């Protein structure tokens, strides 16, 4: 059981970091890379995003979640977040 928890924790941590990095780079809220903010600017948004993604099964679901958070979210942001979400699900055995 401990191995499973450790694996899930590692996968979650990687997802959190990846999403924070994507959000910072794409900067949908214009509070990250576009204004030279600290690299951790989107950390809390990444955690909130993960919670909202729990029921996302399709790229359209991810797009809906992102547009609810940031109405100006671009398709490239959706694609990157969806790819990371799918990678996370696969890493924990969900397909």
N, C-alpha and C. Protein backbone atom coordinates (compact mmCIF):
# COMPACT_ATOMS: atom_id res chain seq x y z
N UNK A 1 0.82 -1.20 0.00
CA UNK A 1 0.00 0.00 0.00
C UNK A 1 0.86 1.26 0.00
N UNK A 2 1.92 1.23 0.79
CA UNK A 2 2.80 2.40 0.86
C UNK A 2 3.41 2.74 -0.49
N UNK A 3 3.75 1.73 -1.25
CA UNK A 3 4.31 1.95 -2.58
C UNK A 3 3.31 2.68 -3.47
N UNK A 4 2.05 2.28 -3.40
CA UNK A 4 1.01 2.93 -4.18
C UNK A 4 0.81 4.37 -3.78
N UNK A 5 0.86 4.64 -2.49
CA UNK A 5 0.72 6.01 -2.00
C UNK A 5 1.90 6.86 -2.45
N UNK A 6 3.08 6.28 -2.38
CA UNK A 6 4.29 7.00 -2.79
C UNK A 6 4.23 7.32 -4.29
N UNK A 7 3.77 6.34 -5.08
CA UNK A 7 3.65 6.53 -6.53
C UNK A 7 2.63 7.63 -6.84
N UNK A 8 1.50 7.59 -6.16
CA UNK A 8 0.48 8.61 -6.37
C UNK A 8 0.99 9.99 -5.96
N UNK A 9 1.67 10.05 -4.83
CA UNK A 9 2.22 11.32 -4.36
C UNK A 9 3.23 11.91 -5.33
N UNK A 10 4.08 11.06 -5.87
CA UNK A 10 5.07 11.52 -6.84
C UNK A 10 4.39 12.00 -8.12
N UNK A 11 3.42 11.24 -8.60
CA UNK A 11 2.69 11.61 -9.82
C UNK A 11 1.95 12.93 -9.63
N UNK A 12 1.33 13.09 -8.45
CA UNK A 12 0.60 14.33 -8.16
C UNK A 12 1.57 15.51 -8.11
N UNK A 13 2.70 15.32 -7.48
CA UNK A 13 3.69 16.39 -7.37
C UNK A 13 4.20 16.80 -8.76
N UNK A 14 4.45 15.82 -9.62
CA UNK A 14 4.89 16.12 -10.98
C UNK A 14 3.80 16.86 -11.76
N UNK A 15 2.55 16.45 -11.59
CA UNK A 15 1.45 17.13 -12.26
C UNK A 15 1.34 18.57 -11.78
N UNK A 16 1.40 18.76 -10.49
CA UNK A 16 1.32 20.10 -9.90
C UNK A 16 2.41 21.00 -10.47
N UNK A 17 3.63 20.51 -10.47
CA UNK A 17 4.75 21.29 -10.98
C UNK A 17 4.59 21.58 -12.48
N UNK A 18 4.19 20.56 -13.23
CA UNK A 18 4.01 20.74 -14.68
C UNK A 18 2.94 21.76 -15.00
N UNK A 19 1.80 21.66 -14.31
CA UNK A 19 0.71 22.61 -14.57
C UNK A 19 1.11 24.03 -14.16
N UNK A 20 1.79 24.18 -13.04
CA UNK A 20 2.24 25.52 -12.61
C UNK A 20 3.19 26.10 -13.66
N UNK A 21 4.08 25.27 -14.20
CA UNK A 21 5.01 25.74 -15.23
C UNK A 21 4.30 26.12 -16.52
N UNK A 22 3.33 25.32 -16.91
CA UNK A 22 2.55 25.62 -18.12
C UNK A 22 1.78 26.92 -17.93
N UNK A 23 1.11 27.06 -16.80
CA UNK A 23 0.34 28.28 -16.54
C UNK A 23 1.26 29.50 -16.51
N UNK A 24 2.42 29.37 -15.90
CA UNK A 24 3.36 30.49 -15.84
C UNK A 24 3.79 30.90 -17.24
N UNK A 25 4.15 29.91 -18.06
CA UNK A 25 4.64 30.19 -19.42
C UNK A 25 3.54 30.77 -20.31
N UNK A 26 2.35 30.17 -20.26
CA UNK A 26 1.25 30.63 -21.11
C UNK A 26 0.59 31.88 -20.53
N UNK A 27 0.66 32.03 -19.22
CA UNK A 27 0.24 33.22 -18.48
C UNK A 27 -1.16 33.74 -18.81
N UNK A 28 -2.18 32.88 -18.65
CA UNK A 28 -3.54 33.31 -18.99
C UNK A 28 -4.06 34.45 -18.11
N UNK A 29 -3.54 34.59 -16.92
CA UNK A 29 -3.98 35.67 -16.02
C UNK A 29 -3.09 36.89 -16.06
N UNK A 30 -2.10 36.86 -16.96
CA UNK A 30 -1.14 37.96 -17.10
C UNK A 30 -0.53 38.37 -15.76
N UNK A 31 -0.12 37.33 -15.01
CA UNK A 31 0.51 37.60 -13.72
C UNK A 31 1.76 36.74 -13.52
N UNK A 32 2.26 36.21 -14.63
CA UNK A 32 3.42 35.31 -14.56
C UNK A 32 4.55 35.80 -15.44
N UNK A 33 4.86 35.02 -16.47
CA UNK A 33 6.01 35.30 -17.31
C UNK A 33 5.90 36.64 -18.03
N UNK A 34 4.70 37.06 -18.38
CA UNK A 34 4.55 38.30 -19.14
C UNK A 34 4.90 39.54 -18.33
N UNK A 35 4.92 39.41 -17.01
CA UNK A 35 5.25 40.56 -16.16
C UNK A 35 6.50 40.30 -15.32
N UNK A 36 7.20 39.20 -15.61
CA UNK A 36 8.42 38.89 -14.89
C UNK A 36 8.21 38.53 -13.43
N UNK A 37 7.07 37.95 -13.11
CA UNK A 37 6.76 37.56 -11.73
C UNK A 37 7.61 36.36 -11.31
N UNK A 38 7.67 36.08 -10.02
CA UNK A 38 8.40 34.90 -9.55
C UNK A 38 7.83 33.62 -10.17
N UNK A 39 8.68 32.62 -10.31
CA UNK A 39 8.29 31.37 -10.96
C UNK A 39 7.16 30.64 -10.25
N UNK A 40 6.94 30.90 -8.97
CA UNK A 40 5.88 30.21 -8.23
C UNK A 40 4.54 30.93 -8.29
N UNK A 41 4.41 31.89 -9.16
CA UNK A 41 3.20 32.72 -9.22
C UNK A 41 1.92 31.92 -9.44
N UNK A 42 1.99 30.84 -10.19
CA UNK A 42 0.80 30.05 -10.51
C UNK A 42 0.67 28.78 -9.67
N UNK A 43 1.46 28.64 -8.62
CA UNK A 43 1.42 27.41 -7.82
C UNK A 43 0.03 27.13 -7.24
N UNK A 44 -0.60 28.12 -6.65
CA UNK A 44 -1.92 27.88 -6.05
C UNK A 44 -2.99 27.63 -7.12
N UNK A 45 -2.84 28.27 -8.27
CA UNK A 45 -3.78 28.04 -9.37
C UNK A 45 -3.66 26.62 -9.89
N UNK A 46 -2.44 26.09 -9.91
CA UNK A 46 -2.23 24.71 -10.37
C UNK A 46 -2.95 23.73 -9.45
N UNK A 47 -2.87 23.95 -8.14
CA UNK A 47 -3.57 23.08 -7.19
C UNK A 47 -5.07 23.15 -7.41
N UNK A 48 -5.59 24.36 -7.56
CA UNK A 48 -7.04 24.53 -7.82
C UNK A 48 -7.44 23.87 -9.12
N UNK A 49 -6.59 23.98 -10.12
CA UNK A 49 -6.87 23.37 -11.42
C UNK A 49 -6.94 21.85 -11.30
N UNK A 50 -6.04 21.26 -10.56
CA UNK A 50 -6.05 19.80 -10.38
C UNK A 50 -7.37 19.35 -9.76
N UNK A 51 -7.83 20.06 -8.77
CA UNK A 51 -9.10 19.72 -8.12
C UNK A 51 -10.24 19.77 -9.13
N UNK A 52 -10.23 20.77 -9.98
CA UNK A 52 -11.31 20.94 -10.96
C UNK A 52 -11.20 19.94 -12.12
N UNK A 53 -10.01 19.43 -12.35
CA UNK A 53 -9.81 18.48 -13.45
C UNK A 53 -10.23 17.06 -13.10
N UNK A 54 -10.52 16.78 -11.86
CA UNK A 54 -10.77 15.41 -11.43
C UNK A 54 -11.82 14.68 -12.26
N UNK A 55 -12.79 15.39 -12.79
CA UNK A 55 -13.83 14.74 -13.60
C UNK A 55 -13.64 14.97 -15.09
N UNK A 56 -12.53 15.58 -15.47
CA UNK A 56 -12.28 15.87 -16.89
C UNK A 56 -11.84 14.61 -17.61
N UNK A 57 -12.59 14.24 -18.63
CA UNK A 57 -12.27 13.03 -19.39
C UNK A 57 -11.82 13.36 -20.82
N UNK A 58 -12.18 14.53 -21.31
CA UNK A 58 -11.87 14.89 -22.69
C UNK A 58 -11.18 16.25 -22.73
N UNK A 59 -10.62 16.56 -23.88
CA UNK A 59 -9.99 17.87 -24.05
C UNK A 59 -11.03 18.97 -23.91
N UNK A 60 -12.25 18.71 -24.34
CA UNK A 60 -13.32 19.70 -24.21
C UNK A 60 -13.64 19.96 -22.73
N UNK A 61 -13.59 18.91 -21.91
CA UNK A 61 -13.80 19.08 -20.46
C UNK A 61 -12.72 19.99 -19.88
N UNK A 62 -11.48 19.75 -20.30
CA UNK A 62 -10.37 20.58 -19.82
C UNK A 62 -10.55 22.01 -20.27
N UNK A 63 -10.97 22.18 -21.51
CA UNK A 63 -11.19 23.53 -22.03
C UNK A 63 -12.27 24.26 -21.23
N UNK A 64 -13.34 23.56 -20.88
CA UNK A 64 -14.40 24.15 -20.06
C UNK A 64 -13.87 24.58 -18.70
N UNK A 65 -13.09 23.71 -18.07
CA UNK A 65 -12.50 24.03 -16.76
C UNK A 65 -11.62 25.27 -16.89
N UNK A 66 -10.75 25.29 -17.89
CA UNK A 66 -9.84 26.43 -18.06
C UNK A 66 -10.59 27.72 -18.37
N UNK A 67 -11.62 27.64 -19.17
CA UNK A 67 -12.36 28.86 -19.52
C UNK A 67 -13.17 29.38 -18.33
N UNK A 68 -13.56 28.50 -17.42
CA UNK A 68 -14.23 28.94 -16.20
C UNK A 68 -13.25 29.65 -15.27
N UNK A 69 -12.01 29.23 -15.31
CA UNK A 69 -10.97 29.87 -14.49
C UNK A 69 -10.47 31.14 -15.16
N UNK A 70 -10.21 31.04 -16.45
CA UNK A 70 -9.64 32.15 -17.22
C UNK A 70 -10.33 32.21 -18.57
N UNK A 71 -11.33 33.09 -18.70
CA UNK A 71 -12.13 33.14 -19.94
C UNK A 71 -11.31 33.30 -21.21
N UNK A 72 -10.14 33.86 -21.12
CA UNK A 72 -9.32 34.06 -22.31
C UNK A 72 -8.36 32.92 -22.61
N UNK A 73 -8.54 31.77 -21.96
CA UNK A 73 -7.62 30.64 -22.14
C UNK A 73 -7.57 30.22 -23.62
N UNK A 74 -6.39 30.10 -24.13
CA UNK A 74 -6.17 29.73 -25.53
C UNK A 74 -6.17 28.22 -25.71
N UNK A 75 -6.40 27.80 -26.95
CA UNK A 75 -6.42 26.37 -27.27
C UNK A 75 -5.09 25.70 -26.97
N UNK A 76 -3.97 26.41 -27.16
CA UNK A 76 -2.67 25.81 -26.88
C UNK A 76 -2.51 25.50 -25.39
N UNK A 77 -3.08 26.33 -24.55
CA UNK A 77 -3.06 26.07 -23.11
C UNK A 77 -3.88 24.82 -22.81
N UNK A 78 -5.05 24.73 -23.42
CA UNK A 78 -5.91 23.55 -23.23
C UNK A 78 -5.18 22.28 -23.64
N UNK A 79 -4.53 22.31 -24.79
CA UNK A 79 -3.82 21.14 -25.30
C UNK A 79 -2.71 20.70 -24.35
N UNK A 80 -1.96 21.65 -23.85
CA UNK A 80 -0.84 21.33 -22.94
C UNK A 80 -1.36 20.79 -21.61
N UNK A 81 -2.39 21.41 -21.06
CA UNK A 81 -2.96 20.95 -19.79
C UNK A 81 -3.57 19.56 -19.97
N UNK A 82 -4.29 19.35 -21.06
CA UNK A 82 -4.90 18.05 -21.31
C UNK A 82 -3.82 16.96 -21.43
N UNK A 83 -2.73 17.26 -22.13
CA UNK A 83 -1.65 16.29 -22.29
C UNK A 83 -1.05 15.92 -20.93
N UNK A 84 -0.85 16.91 -20.08
CA UNK A 84 -0.31 16.63 -18.74
C UNK A 84 -1.31 15.85 -17.90
N UNK A 85 -2.58 16.18 -18.01
CA UNK A 85 -3.63 15.46 -17.27
C UNK A 85 -3.67 14.01 -17.69
N UNK A 86 -3.61 13.74 -18.99
CA UNK A 86 -3.62 12.36 -19.50
C UNK A 86 -2.37 11.61 -19.04
N UNK A 87 -1.22 12.30 -19.05
CA UNK A 87 0.03 11.69 -18.60
C UNK A 87 -0.09 11.30 -17.12
N UNK A 88 -0.68 12.18 -16.32
CA UNK A 88 -0.88 11.90 -14.90
C UNK A 88 -1.78 10.68 -14.73
N UNK A 89 -2.91 10.67 -15.41
CA UNK A 89 -3.86 9.55 -15.28
C UNK A 89 -3.20 8.24 -15.67
N UNK A 90 -2.43 8.26 -16.75
CA UNK A 90 -1.74 7.04 -17.18
C UNK A 90 -0.71 6.59 -16.14
N UNK A 91 -0.05 7.55 -15.52
CA UNK A 91 0.99 7.20 -14.55
C UNK A 91 0.42 6.56 -13.28
N UNK A 92 -0.86 6.80 -13.02
CA UNK A 92 -1.48 6.19 -11.84
C UNK A 92 -2.40 5.04 -12.21
N UNK A 93 -2.35 4.64 -13.49
CA UNK A 93 -3.10 3.47 -13.93
C UNK A 93 -4.51 3.73 -14.41
N UNK A 94 -4.85 4.98 -14.66
CA UNK A 94 -6.17 5.32 -15.21
C UNK A 94 -6.00 5.70 -16.66
N UNK A 95 -6.83 5.13 -17.51
CA UNK A 95 -6.74 5.49 -18.93
C UNK A 95 -8.06 5.95 -19.46
